[in-house]
Amino acid sequence: MSDHNDDAGSVVADRVGGDPAETAREIDARVYRVLGEQFLARPGRERADAVGIWASEWRCNAERLPPEFDAALDRIEDGATADAETLRTAYTHLFRGVSERAPDPPYESMYLDGSFYSGTTTEIRKGYRWAGFDVDDTHGNEPPDHLGLELQFLGELVAMDDGDRDPDEPDTEDALWWLLDEHLTEWLPAYHARLQREGPHEYYAGLLDLALAVVTSHHKRLAEDR
């Protein structure tokens, strides 16, 4: 679902294009793809700049933003101006679990089950395969229940959910509800709270705030329609 390249700024720039005001009204696939990418790989200068511009343009062009969206985008915009090495150090501390004092990495199994590669990991993989996707977690790649991959999978499901579903294709609305209701809303709040105790760098604080706000808003909207 993504190639985790530190020099992927041009990819981010492509993904964050389009009408930010439209994104404010509908949860856009690009939002999940961009958020997921930031949690999967250490940032480069080009990528951080692209994400900062995206946050700025979304705030400027949206007619109305929920306060939690606006505050998160403001933090991202401010934090993106930090030097690349500062951002890389922050990323390593927050998301790689390299020391005993660091938070556990963002794997759902760690925060939901308290163990790495649990039944939750298997369930998530089955969900990906059901929708026609898979994750190669060999050769040091991340397991399927990594936050970045779950967010990117949401983006793929949103892109598939065009309202004109072929009856022979998976029901993407049900898949969206499954991933949001049974997974992300079950563990992302706890993960977010854990990282807040680290006093995260403004850039990653904003990305985490935005991820939680978008997931919560999307879940609420789907719940109202069910």
C-alpha atoms as a PDB file:
ATOM      1  CA  MET A   1       0.000   0.000   0.000  1.00  0.00           C
ATOM      2  CA  SER A   2       3.019   2.266   0.268  1.00  0.00           C
ATOM      3  CA  ASP A   3       6.734   2.256  -0.422  1.00  0.00           C
ATOM      4  CA  HIS A   4       8.380   3.632   2.697  1.00  0.00           C
ATOM      5  CA  ASN A   5      10.909   5.982   1.135  1.00  0.00           C
ATOM      6  CA  ASP A   6      12.448   8.835   3.120  1.00  0.00           C
ATOM      7  CA  ASP A   7      12.559  10.881  -0.101  1.00  0.00           C
ATOM      8  CA  ALA A   8       8.877  10.525  -0.856  1.00  0.00           C
ATOM      9  CA  GLY A   9       8.064  14.234  -0.747  1.00  0.00           C
ATOM     10  CA  SER A  10       6.973  14.224  -4.376  1.00  0.00           C
ATOM     11  CA  VAL A  11       4.610  11.336  -3.648  1.00  0.00           C
ATOM     12  CA  VAL A  12       3.110  13.265  -0.739  1.00  0.00           C
ATOM     13  CA  ALA A  13       2.737  16.354  -2.902  1.00  0.00           C
ATOM     14  CA  ASP A  14       0.758  14.337  -5.440  1.00  0.00           C
ATOM     15  CA  ARG A  15      -1.443  12.783  -2.788  1.00  0.00           C
ATOM     16  CA  VAL A  16      -2.276  15.988  -0.969  1.00  0.00           C
ATOM     17  CA  GLY A  17      -3.324  17.806  -4.101  1.00  0.00           C
ATOM     18  CA  GLY A  18      -6.930  18.570  -4.894  1.00  0.00           C
ATOM     19  CA  ASP A  19      -9.547  20.659  -3.157  1.00  0.00           C
ATOM     20  CA  PRO A  20      -8.983  20.866   0.620  1.00  0.00           C
ATOM     21  CA  ALA A  21     -12.480  22.308   1.087  1.00  0.00           C
ATOM     22  CA  GLU A  22     -13.913  19.147  -0.436  1.00  0.00           C
ATOM     23  CA  THR A  23     -11.867  17.127   2.047  1.00  0.00           C
ATOM     24  CA  ALA A  24     -13.399  19.141   4.876  1.00  0.00           C
ATOM     25  CA  ARG A  25     -16.856  17.944   3.835  1.00  0.00           C
ATOM     26  CA  GLU A  26     -15.959  14.346   3.062  1.00  0.00           C
ATOM     27  CA  ILE A  27     -13.221  12.216   4.572  1.00  0.00           C
ATOM     28  CA  ASP A  28     -10.958  11.959   1.547  1.00  0.00           C
ATOM     29  CA  ALA A  29      -8.833   8.928   0.709  1.00  0.00           C
ATOM     30  CA  ARG A  30      -5.799  11.221   0.383  1.00  0.00           C
ATOM     31  CA  VAL A  31      -6.052  12.215   4.046  1.00  0.00           C
ATOM     32  CA  TYR A  32      -5.685   8.631   5.235  1.00  0.00           C
ATOM     33  CA  ARG A  33      -2.937   7.879   2.736  1.00  0.00           C
ATOM     34  CA  VAL A  34      -0.886  10.894   3.746  1.00  0.00           C
ATOM     35  CA  LEU A  35      -1.364  10.320   7.470  1.00  0.00           C
ATOM     36  CA  GLY A  36      -0.447   6.665   7.121  1.00  0.00           C
ATOM     37  CA  GLU A  37       2.728   7.485   5.246  1.00  0.00           C
ATOM     38  CA  GLN A  38       3.976   9.795   8.013  1.00  0.00           C
ATOM     39  CA  PHE A  39       3.760   7.037  10.633  1.00  0.00           C
ATOM     40  CA  LEU A  40       5.535   4.476   8.456  1.00  0.00           C
ATOM     41  CA  ALA A  41       8.850   6.158   7.668  1.00  0.00           C
ATOM     42  CA  ARG A  42      11.229   8.751   9.041  1.00  0.00           C
ATOM     43  CA  PRO A  43      10.640  12.146   7.423  1.00  0.00           C
ATOM     44  CA  GLY A  44      12.816  13.851   4.862  1.00  0.00           C
ATOM     45  CA  ARG A  45      12.911  17.590   4.265  1.00  0.00           C
ATOM     46  CA  GLU A  46      10.851  17.400   1.087  1.00  0.00           C
ATOM     47  CA  ARG A  47       8.132  15.309   2.683  1.00  0.00           C
ATOM     48  CA  ALA A  48       7.810  17.485   5.791  1.00  0.00           C
ATOM     49  CA  ASP A  49       7.583  20.602   3.620  1.00  0.00           C
ATOM     50  CA  ALA A  50       4.875  19.016   1.460  1.00  0.00           C
ATOM     51  CA  VAL A  51       2.825  17.987   4.483  1.00  0.00           C
ATOM     52  CA  GLY A  52       3.207  21.444   6.037  1.00  0.00           C
ATOM     53  CA  ILE A  53       1.942  23.061   2.828  1.00  0.00           C
ATOM     54  CA  TRP A  54      -0.972  20.622   2.711  1.00  0.00           C
ATOM     55  CA  ALA A  55      -1.957  21.513   6.274  1.00  0.00           C
ATOM     56  CA  SER A  56      -1.739  25.233   5.522  1.00  0.00           C
ATOM     57  CA  GLU A  57      -3.794  24.992   2.327  1.00  0.00           C
ATOM     58  CA  TRP A  58      -6.451  22.837   3.973  1.00  0.00           C
ATOM     59  CA  ARG A  59      -6.899  25.431   6.733  1.00  0.00           C
ATOM     60  CA  CYS A  60      -6.932  28.361   4.320  1.00  0.00           C
ATOM     61  CA  ASN A  61      -9.301  26.887   1.736  1.00  0.00           C
ATOM     62  CA  ALA A  62     -11.831  25.036   3.869  1.00  0.00           C
ATOM     63  CA  GLU A  63     -15.028  26.975   4.469  1.00  0.00           C
ATOM     64  CA  ARG A  64     -15.484  25.388   7.857  1.00  0.00           C
ATOM     65  CA  LEU A  65     -13.330  23.002   9.879  1.00  0.00           C
ATOM     66  CA  PRO A  66     -14.128  21.297  13.177  1.00  0.00           C
ATOM     67  CA  PRO A  67     -11.998  22.914  15.902  1.00  0.00           C
ATOM     68  CA  GLU A  68     -10.042  19.708  16.503  1.00  0.00           C
ATOM     69  CA  PHE A  69      -9.144  19.497  12.797  1.00  0.00           C
ATOM     70  CA  ASP A  70      -8.058  23.128  12.685  1.00  0.00           C
ATOM     71  CA  ALA A  71      -5.923  22.850  15.825  1.00  0.00           C
ATOM     72  CA  ALA A  72      -4.228  19.680  14.573  1.00  0.00           C
ATOM     73  CA  LEU A  73      -3.477  21.189  11.162  1.00  0.00           C
ATOM     74  CA  ASP A  74      -2.047  24.280  12.847  1.00  0.00           C
ATOM     75  CA  ARG A  75       0.341  22.106  14.868  1.00  0.00           C
ATOM     76  CA  ILE A  76       1.397  20.202  11.761  1.00  0.00           C
ATOM     77  CA  GLU A  77       2.018  23.426   9.857  1.00  0.00           C
ATOM     78  CA  ASP A  78       4.143  24.868  12.665  1.00  0.00           C
ATOM     79  CA  GLY A  79       6.016  21.636  13.371  1.00  0.00           C
ATOM     80  CA  ALA A  80       6.868  20.964   9.727  1.00  0.00           C
ATOM     81  CA  THR A  81       9.327  23.876   9.743  1.00  0.00           C
ATOM     82  CA  ALA A  82      11.673  22.069  12.167  1.00  0.00           C
ATOM     83  CA  ASP A  83      14.956  20.813  10.781  1.00  0.00           C
ATOM     84  CA  ALA A  84      14.871  17.318   9.326  1.00  0.00           C
ATOM     85  CA  GLU A  85      17.175  15.773  11.921  1.00  0.00           C
ATOM     86  CA  THR A  86      14.942  16.992  14.763  1.00  0.00           C
ATOM     87  CA  LEU A  87      11.944  15.406  13.072  1.00  0.00           C
ATOM     88  CA  ARG A  88      13.814  12.152  12.462  1.00  0.00           C
ATOM     89  CA  THR A  89      14.887  11.967  16.108  1.00  0.00           C
ATOM     90  CA  ALA A  90      11.313  12.593  17.218  1.00  0.00           C
ATOM     91  CA  TYR A  91      10.039   9.915  14.844  1.00  0.00           C
ATOM     92  CA  THR A  92      12.510   7.319  16.104  1.00  0.00           C
ATOM     93  CA  HIS A  93      11.656   7.974  19.751  1.00  0.00           C
ATOM     94  CA  LEU A  94       7.891   8.000  19.274  1.00  0.00           C
ATOM     95  CA  PHE A  95       7.352   5.208  16.773  1.00  0.00           C
ATOM     96  CA  ARG A  96      10.260   2.766  16.825  1.00  0.00           C
ATOM     97  CA  GLY A  97      10.293   1.644  20.472  1.00  0.00           C
ATOM     98  CA  VAL A  98      14.095   1.730  20.566  1.00  0.00           C
ATOM     99  CA  SER A  99      14.466   2.081  24.340  1.00  0.00           C
ATOM    100  CA  GLU A 100      12.713   0.852  27.464  1.00  0.00           C
ATOM    101  CA  ARG A 101      11.411   4.356  28.139  1.00  0.00           C
ATOM    102  CA  ALA A 102      10.029   4.840  24.636  1.00  0.00           C
ATOM    103  CA  PRO A 103       6.384   4.054  23.843  1.00  0.00           C
ATOM    104  CA  ASP A 104       5.597   0.708  22.286  1.00  0.00           C
ATOM    105  CA  PRO A 105       5.499   0.976  18.483  1.00  0.00           C
ATOM    106  CA  PRO A 106       2.079   1.689  16.923  1.00  0.00           C
ATOM    107  CA  TYR A 107       0.884  -1.890  16.506  1.00  0.00           C
ATOM    108  CA  GLU A 108      -2.750  -2.538  17.359  1.00  0.00           C
ATOM    109  CA  SER A 109      -1.845  -5.887  18.905  1.00  0.00           C
ATOM    110  CA  MET A 110       0.438  -4.169  21.436  1.00  0.00           C
ATOM    111  CA  TYR A 111      -2.225  -1.732  22.616  1.00  0.00           C
ATOM    112  CA  LEU A 112      -5.260  -3.992  22.369  1.00  0.00           C
ATOM    113  CA  ASP A 113      -3.832  -7.369  23.389  1.00  0.00           C
ATOM    114  CA  GLY A 114      -0.563  -6.432  25.081  1.00  0.00           C
ATOM    115  CA  SER A 115       1.506  -8.633  22.785  1.00  0.00           C
ATOM    116  CA  PHE A 116       3.157  -8.455  19.376  1.00  0.00           C
ATOM    117  CA  TYR A 117       1.686 -10.450  16.472  1.00  0.00           C
ATOM    118  CA  SER A 118      -1.453 -11.580  18.287  1.00  0.00           C
ATOM    119  CA  GLY A 119      -4.803 -12.742  16.969  1.00  0.00           C
ATOM    120  CA  THR A 120      -5.567  -9.106  16.197  1.00  0.00           C
ATOM    121  CA  THR A 121      -2.728  -9.056  13.666  1.00  0.00           C
ATOM    122  CA  THR A 122      -4.145 -12.138  11.961  1.00  0.00           C
ATOM    123  CA  GLU A 123      -7.646 -10.656  11.887  1.00  0.00           C
ATOM    124  CA  ILE A 124      -6.400  -7.441  10.300  1.00  0.00           C
ATOM    125  CA  ARG A 125      -4.495  -9.385   7.642  1.00  0.00           C
ATOM    126  CA  LYS A 126      -7.634 -11.374   6.803  1.00  0.00           C
ATOM    127  CA  GLY A 127      -9.518  -8.095   6.403  1.00  0.00           C
ATOM    128  CA  TYR A 128      -6.928  -6.791   3.974  1.00  0.00           C
ATOM    129  CA  ARG A 129      -7.056  -9.981   1.925  1.00  0.00           C
ATOM    130  CA  TRP A 130     -10.858  -9.942   1.892  1.00  0.00           C
ATOM    131  CA  ALA A 131     -10.700  -6.523   0.213  1.00  0.00           C
ATOM    132  CA  GLY A 132      -8.043  -7.671  -2.246  1.00  0.00           C
ATOM    133  CA  PHE A 133      -4.965  -6.258  -0.491  1.00  0.00           C
ATOM    134  CA  ASP A 134      -2.089  -7.831   1.371  1.00  0.00           C
ATOM    135  CA  VAL A 135       0.946  -6.713   3.345  1.00  0.00           C
ATOM    136  CA  ASP A 136       4.376  -8.257   2.946  1.00  0.00           C
ATOM    137  CA  ASP A 137       5.717  -8.211   6.498  1.00  0.00           C
ATOM    138  CA  THR A 138       8.904 -10.112   5.662  1.00  0.00           C
ATOM    139  CA  HIS A 139      12.373  -8.576   5.300  1.00  0.00           C
ATOM    140  CA  GLY A 140      11.797  -6.041   8.072  1.00  0.00           C
ATOM    141  CA  ASN A 141       8.528  -4.631   6.724  1.00  0.00           C
ATOM    142  CA  GLU A 142       5.834  -3.608   9.188  1.00  0.00           C
ATOM    143  CA  PRO A 143       3.102  -6.061  10.249  1.00  0.00           C
ATOM    144  CA  PRO A 144      -0.434  -5.417   8.992  1.00  0.00           C
ATOM    145  CA  ASP A 145      -1.702  -3.939  12.269  1.00  0.00           C
ATOM    146  CA  HIS A 146       0.721  -0.985  12.153  1.00  0.00           C
ATOM    147  CA  LEU A 147      -1.154   2.318  12.500  1.00  0.00           C
ATOM    148  CA  GLY A 148       0.237   3.636   9.230  1.00  0.00           C
ATOM    149  CA  LEU A 149      -0.946   0.597   7.286  1.00  0.00           C
ATOM    150  CA  GLU A 150      -4.394   0.620   8.885  1.00  0.00           C
ATOM    151  CA  LEU A 151      -4.801   4.287   7.935  1.00  0.00           C
ATOM    152  CA  GLN A 152      -3.608   3.645   4.391  1.00  0.00           C
ATOM    153  CA  PHE A 153      -6.024   0.719   4.122  1.00  0.00           C
ATOM    154  CA  LEU A 154      -8.830   3.058   5.164  1.00  0.00           C
ATOM    155  CA  GLY A 155      -7.761   5.330   2.334  1.00  0.00           C
ATOM    156  CA  GLU A 156      -7.980   2.465  -0.145  1.00  0.00           C
ATOM    157  CA  LEU A 157     -11.446   1.529   1.133  1.00  0.00           C
ATOM    158  CA  VAL A 158     -12.647   5.134   0.864  1.00  0.00           C
ATOM    159  CA  ALA A 159     -11.364   5.251  -2.716  1.00  0.00           C
ATOM    160  CA  MET A 160     -13.220   2.007  -3.485  1.00  0.00           C
ATOM    161  CA  ASP A 161     -16.473   3.191  -1.858  1.00  0.00           C
ATOM    162  CA  ASP A 162     -17.825   5.180  -4.816  1.00  0.00           C
ATOM    163  CA  GLY A 163     -21.476   4.376  -4.183  1.00  0.00           C
ATOM    164  CA  ASP A 164     -21.789   2.270  -7.364  1.00  0.00           C
ATOM    165  CA  ARG A 165     -20.722  -1.099  -6.031  1.00  0.00           C
ATOM    166  CA  ASP A 166     -20.530  -4.205  -8.157  1.00  0.00           C
ATOM    167  CA  PRO A 167     -22.456  -6.950  -6.283  1.00  0.00           C
ATOM    168  CA  ASP A 168     -19.543  -9.307  -6.922  1.00  0.00           C
ATOM    169  CA  GLU A 169     -17.089  -6.965  -5.147  1.00  0.00           C
ATOM    170  CA  PRO A 170     -16.551  -6.717  -1.369  1.00  0.00           C
ATOM    171  CA  ASP A 171     -18.943  -4.408   0.497  1.00  0.00           C
ATOM    172  CA  THR A 172     -16.571  -1.547   1.206  1.00  0.00           C
ATOM    173  CA  GLU A 173     -18.990   0.260   3.511  1.00  0.00           C
ATOM    174  CA  ASP A 174     -19.092  -2.771   5.798  1.00  0.00           C
ATOM    175  CA  ALA A 175     -15.298  -3.028   5.587  1.00  0.00           C
ATOM    176  CA  LEU A 176     -14.936   0.638   6.544  1.00  0.00           C
ATOM    177  CA  TRP A 177     -17.231   0.128   9.516  1.00  0.00           C
ATOM    178  CA  TRP A 178     -15.343  -3.008  10.589  1.00  0.00           C
ATOM    179  CA  LEU A 179     -11.959  -1.283  10.503  1.00  0.00           C
ATOM    180  CA  LEU A 180     -13.198   1.850  12.246  1.00  0.00           C
ATOM    181  CA  ASP A 181     -15.566   0.322  14.798  1.00  0.00           C
ATOM    182  CA  GLU A 182     -13.781  -2.903  15.718  1.00  0.00           C
ATOM    183  CA  HIS A 183     -10.209  -1.741  15.371  1.00  0.00           C
ATOM    184  CA  LEU A 184      -9.072   1.880  15.083  1.00  0.00           C
ATOM    185  CA  THR A 185     -11.570   3.392  17.521  1.00  0.00           C
ATOM    186  CA  GLU A 186     -10.749   0.568  19.932  1.00  0.00           C
ATOM    187  CA  TRP A 187      -7.015   1.270  20.180  1.00  0.00           C
ATOM    188  CA  LEU A 188      -6.122   4.640  18.628  1.00  0.00           C
ATOM    189  CA  PRO A 189      -7.447   6.685  21.609  1.00  0.00           C
ATOM    190  CA  ALA A 190      -5.244   4.704  24.021  1.00  0.00           C
ATOM    191  CA  TYR A 191      -2.244   5.024  21.729  1.00  0.00           C
ATOM    192  CA  HIS A 192      -2.844   8.752  21.339  1.00  0.00           C
ATOM    193  CA  ALA A 193      -3.067   9.175  25.122  1.00  0.00           C
ATOM    194  CA  ARG A 194       0.169   7.219  25.612  1.00  0.00           C
ATOM    195  CA  LEU A 195       2.098   9.403  23.200  1.00  0.00           C
ATOM    196  CA  GLN A 196       0.766  12.596  24.751  1.00  0.00           C
ATOM    197  CA  ARG A 197       2.675  11.634  27.896  1.00  0.00           C
ATOM    198  CA  GLU A 198       5.886  11.863  25.850  1.00  0.00           C
ATOM    199  CA  GLY A 199       5.348  15.543  25.062  1.00  0.00           C
ATOM    200  CA  PRO A 200       5.687  14.798  21.330  1.00  0.00           C
ATOM    201  CA  HIS A 201       7.202  17.222  18.863  1.00  0.00           C
ATOM    202  CA  GLU A 202       4.596  19.623  17.465  1.00  0.00           C
ATOM    203  CA  TYR A 203       4.682  18.002  14.025  1.00  0.00           C
ATOM    204  CA  TYR A 204       3.862  14.539  15.309  1.00  0.00           C
ATOM    205  CA  ALA A 205       1.495  15.839  17.970  1.00  0.00           C
ATOM    206  CA  GLY A 206      -0.509  17.426  15.165  1.00  0.00           C
ATOM    207  CA  LEU A 207      -0.425  14.307  13.001  1.00  0.00           C
ATOM    208  CA  LEU A 208      -1.606  12.162  15.904  1.00  0.00           C
ATOM    209  CA  ASP A 209      -4.326  14.662  16.812  1.00  0.00           C
ATOM    210  CA  LEU A 210      -5.504  14.772  13.205  1.00  0.00           C
ATOM    211  CA  ALA A 211      -5.509  10.988  12.852  1.00  0.00           C
ATOM    212  CA  LEU A 212      -7.650  10.637  15.977  1.00  0.00           C
ATOM    213  CA  ALA A 213      -9.987  13.460  14.925  1.00  0.00           C
ATOM    214  CA  VAL A 214     -10.484  12.104  11.405  1.00  0.00           C
ATOM    215  CA  VAL A 215     -11.052   8.524  12.571  1.00  0.00           C
ATOM    216  CA  THR A 216     -13.490   9.652  15.286  1.00  0.00           C
ATOM    217  CA  SER A 217     -15.416  11.900  12.895  1.00  0.00           C
ATOM    218  CA  HIS A 218     -15.603   9.247  10.191  1.00  0.00           C
ATOM    219  CA  HIS A 219     -16.768   6.611  12.673  1.00  0.00           C
ATOM    220  CA  LYS A 220     -19.471   8.933  14.001  1.00  0.00           C
ATOM    221  CA  ARG A 221     -20.714   9.712  10.497  1.00  0.00           C
ATOM    222  CA  LEU A 222     -20.936   6.035   9.561  1.00  0.00           C
ATOM    223  CA  ALA A 223     -22.681   5.217  12.851  1.00  0.00           C
ATOM    224  CA  GLU A 224     -25.373   7.786  12.075  1.00  0.00           C
ATOM    225  CA  ASP A 225     -26.044   6.090   8.733  1.00  0.00           C
ATOM    226  CA  ARG A 226     -26.355   2.566  10.106  1.00  0.00           C
END
